[in-house]
Protein backbone atom coordinates (compact mmCIF):
# COMPACT_ATOMS: atom_id res chain seq x y z
CA ASP A 1 -26.20 -19.33 11.70
CA VAL A 2 -25.91 -21.44 8.56
CA ALA A 3 -24.29 -18.75 6.39
CA THR A 4 -21.61 -18.03 8.99
CA THR A 5 -20.87 -21.73 9.33
CA LEU A 6 -20.61 -22.13 5.54
CA ASN A 7 -18.34 -19.09 5.35
CA ASN A 8 -16.11 -20.41 8.13
CA ILE A 9 -15.87 -23.89 6.63
CA GLY A 10 -15.07 -22.24 3.31
CA ARG A 11 -12.21 -20.42 5.03
CA VAL A 12 -10.80 -23.73 6.26
CA TYR A 13 -10.86 -25.14 2.73
CA TYR A 14 -9.31 -21.92 1.41
CA MET A 15 -6.47 -22.15 3.92
CA ARG A 16 -5.89 -25.76 2.87
CA GLY A 17 -5.65 -24.68 -0.78
CA GLU A 18 -8.89 -26.43 -1.75
CA TYR A 19 -10.20 -23.42 -3.63
CA ASP A 20 -12.99 -25.07 -5.62
CA THR A 21 -14.63 -26.37 -2.44
CA ALA A 22 -14.06 -23.05 -0.67
CA LEU A 23 -15.66 -21.18 -3.57
CA ARG A 24 -18.73 -23.40 -3.57
CA LEU A 25 -19.20 -22.82 0.17
CA TYR A 26 -18.62 -19.07 -0.08
CA LEU A 27 -21.13 -18.72 -2.91
CA GLU A 28 -23.74 -20.61 -0.91
CA ALA A 29 -23.04 -18.47 2.18
CA LEU A 30 -23.20 -15.32 0.06
CA GLN A 31 -26.58 -16.25 -1.38
CA ILE A 32 -27.99 -16.84 2.13
CA ARG A 33 -26.44 -13.70 3.60
CA ARG A 34 -27.71 -11.49 0.79
CA SER A 35 -31.24 -12.88 1.11
CA ILE A 36 -31.30 -12.27 4.87
CA LEU A 37 -29.10 -9.18 5.35
CA GLY A 38 -29.36 -7.34 2.05
CA HIS A 39 -26.56 -6.38 -0.29
CA ASP A 40 -24.53 -3.86 1.74
CA HIS A 41 -24.21 -5.48 5.16
CA LEU A 42 -20.65 -5.95 6.44
CA ASP A 43 -21.17 -9.71 6.90
CA VAL A 44 -22.19 -9.90 3.24
CA GLY A 45 -19.07 -7.89 2.46
CA ALA A 46 -16.87 -10.35 4.36
CA THR A 47 -18.15 -13.23 2.26
CA ILE A 48 -17.80 -11.18 -0.92
CA TYR A 49 -14.17 -10.53 0.03
CA ASN A 50 -13.54 -14.23 0.72
CA THR A 51 -15.14 -15.13 -2.61
CA GLY A 52 -12.99 -12.57 -4.41
CA GLN A 53 -9.83 -13.93 -2.80
CA THR A 54 -10.77 -17.43 -3.90
CA TYR A 55 -11.41 -16.34 -7.49
CA HIS A 56 -8.05 -14.56 -7.36
CA GLN A 57 -6.28 -17.72 -6.21
CA LEU A 58 -7.98 -19.64 -9.03
CA GLY A 59 -6.64 -17.11 -11.55
CA LEU A 60 -10.14 -15.87 -12.38
CA PHE A 61 -9.16 -12.21 -12.31
CA LYS A 62 -12.35 -10.73 -13.80
CA GLU A 63 -14.51 -12.44 -11.17
CA ALA A 64 -12.04 -11.54 -8.44
CA MET A 65 -12.12 -7.85 -9.42
CA GLN A 66 -15.92 -7.82 -9.52
CA HIS A 67 -16.03 -9.11 -5.96
CA TYR A 68 -13.21 -6.84 -4.78
CA GLU A 69 -14.99 -3.80 -6.26
CA GLU A 70 -18.28 -4.83 -4.62
CA PHE A 71 -16.57 -5.24 -1.25
CA LEU A 72 -14.78 -1.90 -1.68
CA HIS A 73 -18.13 -0.20 -2.30
CA ILE A 74 -19.61 -1.74 0.86
CA ALA A 75 -16.52 -0.96 2.95
CA ARG A 76 -16.42 2.68 1.86
CA LYS A 77 -20.14 3.07 2.49
CA ARG A 78 -20.09 1.41 5.92
CA LEU A 79 -16.59 2.23 7.19
CA GLY A 80 -15.56 5.36 5.28
CA ASN A 81 -12.73 5.94 2.82
CA LYS A 82 -10.00 5.98 5.48
CA HIS A 83 -10.27 2.49 6.93
CA ARG A 84 -7.87 -0.43 7.16
CA ASP A 85 -10.27 -2.72 5.26
CA VAL A 86 -10.47 -0.23 2.39
CA ALA A 87 -6.67 -0.19 2.18
CA ILE A 88 -6.45 -3.98 2.24
CA MET A 89 -9.03 -4.25 -0.52
CA LEU A 90 -7.17 -1.72 -2.63
CA LYS A 91 -4.00 -3.77 -2.13
CA CYS A 92 -5.83 -6.87 -3.41
CA MET A 93 -7.10 -4.96 -6.43
CA ALA A 94 -3.63 -3.62 -7.14
CA GLN A 95 -2.29 -7.18 -6.98
CA VAL A 96 -4.70 -8.25 -9.74
CA HIS A 97 -3.60 -5.35 -11.95
CA HIS A 98 0.03 -6.19 -11.13
CA GLU A 99 -0.43 -9.84 -12.09
CA LEU A 100 -2.07 -8.72 -15.34
CA LYS A 101 1.00 -6.51 -16.01
CA GLU A 102 -1.14 -3.37 -15.79
CA PHE A 103 1.69 -1.67 -13.94
CA ASP A 104 0.55 1.95 -13.96
CA GLU A 105 -2.91 1.09 -12.63
CA ALA A 106 -1.41 -1.24 -10.02
CA GLN A 107 1.10 1.37 -8.88
CA SER A 108 -1.59 4.02 -8.49
CA ILE A 109 -3.76 1.71 -6.40
CA TYR A 110 -0.84 0.49 -4.26
CA GLU A 111 0.01 4.13 -3.53
CA GLU A 112 -3.60 4.88 -2.55
CA ALA A 113 -3.64 1.84 -0.24
CA LEU A 114 -0.32 2.93 1.28
CA SER A 115 -1.64 6.42 1.95
CA ILE A 116 -4.76 5.09 3.68
CA CYS A 117 -2.70 2.64 5.77
CA ARG A 118 -0.37 5.40 6.90
CA ASP A 119 -3.34 7.57 7.89
CA THR A 120 -5.17 4.81 9.74
CA LEU A 121 -2.50 2.44 11.07
CA GLY A 122 0.63 4.54 11.35
CA GLU A 123 3.97 3.96 9.67
CA LYS A 124 5.11 0.94 11.66
CA ASN A 125 2.57 -1.68 10.70
CA PRO A 126 2.75 -5.04 8.86
CA GLU A 127 0.31 -3.79 6.20
CA ILE A 128 2.64 -0.88 5.41
CA ALA A 129 5.55 -3.31 5.02
CA SER A 130 3.46 -5.61 2.82
CA ILE A 131 2.35 -2.84 0.48
CA LEU A 132 5.87 -1.42 0.26
CA ASN A 133 7.19 -4.86 -0.66
CA LYS A 134 4.56 -5.30 -3.38
CA LEU A 135 5.23 -1.80 -4.69
CA GLY A 136 8.97 -2.53 -4.73
CA ASN A 137 8.31 -5.72 -6.69
CA LEU A 138 6.23 -3.80 -9.20
CA LEU A 139 8.90 -1.13 -9.68
CA TYR A 140 11.52 -3.84 -10.08
CA GLU A 141 9.42 -5.53 -12.77
CA LYS A 142 8.98 -2.17 -14.52
CA GLY A 143 12.75 -1.84 -14.57
CA ASP A 144 12.79 1.22 -12.28
CA LEU A 145 15.55 -0.18 -10.10
CA ASP A 146 16.41 3.06 -8.30
CA ALA A 147 12.82 3.59 -7.17
CA ALA A 148 12.46 -0.10 -6.29
CA ILE A 149 15.52 -0.09 -4.04
CA GLU A 150 14.29 3.02 -2.20
CA ILE A 151 10.89 1.41 -1.61
CA TYR A 152 12.50 -1.86 -0.47
CA LYS A 153 14.77 0.04 1.93
CA HIS A 154 11.79 1.87 3.39
CA GLY A 155 9.93 -1.44 3.75
CA LEU A 156 12.99 -2.97 5.41
CA LYS A 157 13.05 -0.13 7.93
CA VAL A 158 9.39 -0.83 8.79
CA GLU A 159 10.00 -4.60 8.97
CA ARG A 160 12.98 -4.17 11.28
CA ALA A 161 10.87 -1.99 13.59
CA ILE A 162 8.06 -4.54 13.92
CA LEU A 163 9.48 -8.01 13.22
CA ASP A 164 12.00 -10.37 14.78
CA PRO A 165 15.48 -9.77 13.25
CA PHE A 166 15.45 -13.20 11.59
CA HIS A 167 11.88 -13.06 10.29
CA PRO A 168 11.54 -14.50 6.75
CA ASN A 169 10.08 -11.23 5.42
CA ILE A 170 13.27 -9.39 6.35
CA VAL A 171 15.32 -12.04 4.57
CA VAL A 172 13.15 -11.68 1.44
CA THR A 173 13.49 -7.90 1.45
CA LEU A 174 17.26 -8.11 1.88
CA THR A 175 17.38 -10.62 -0.99
CA ASN A 176 15.35 -8.25 -3.18
CA ILE A 177 17.77 -5.41 -2.42
CA GLY A 178 20.69 -7.71 -3.18
CA GLN A 179 19.16 -8.68 -6.52
CA ILE A 180 18.98 -5.03 -7.53
CA HIS A 181 22.61 -4.42 -6.60
CA LYS A 182 23.55 -7.53 -8.59
CA ARG A 183 21.69 -6.23 -11.68
CA LYS A 184 23.30 -2.78 -11.51
């Protein structure tokens, strides 16, 4: 259908870094999907999520959060509180708070996302490693180096269990750990 095509083309522009074009396409797809499917359909939610991501990339944090919160509401209603998509959305919301230097709020939301991921995906999953890395970054920025290094080490353990030994994420995590040791 037209809305799906617009959404998919928007994704291509998003992946190419052409966020203004992606946003225009997502907003058009969202308008069509809402008029046909209503406001709480999962396909509407997917386009809301894509729109939120695009606003986030453009640095429009208020608009991003509005879309993230709307998607979170749909996801919880349709998928339940303990679902991978709920955890991913919480991670996105935490990232916005993190970027705004709202560290306590970001940390709380990262921890909620981590808990849901552990419950739904298990400990050895790329999403777990991603959230642990972001949480480690936050703790580092807060100056809590001891907590940051423990989180990074846990993330490294997950990464080593699921990734190739020379994967760039492992290198980044090792570099982060090294930076802490250098600062101490």
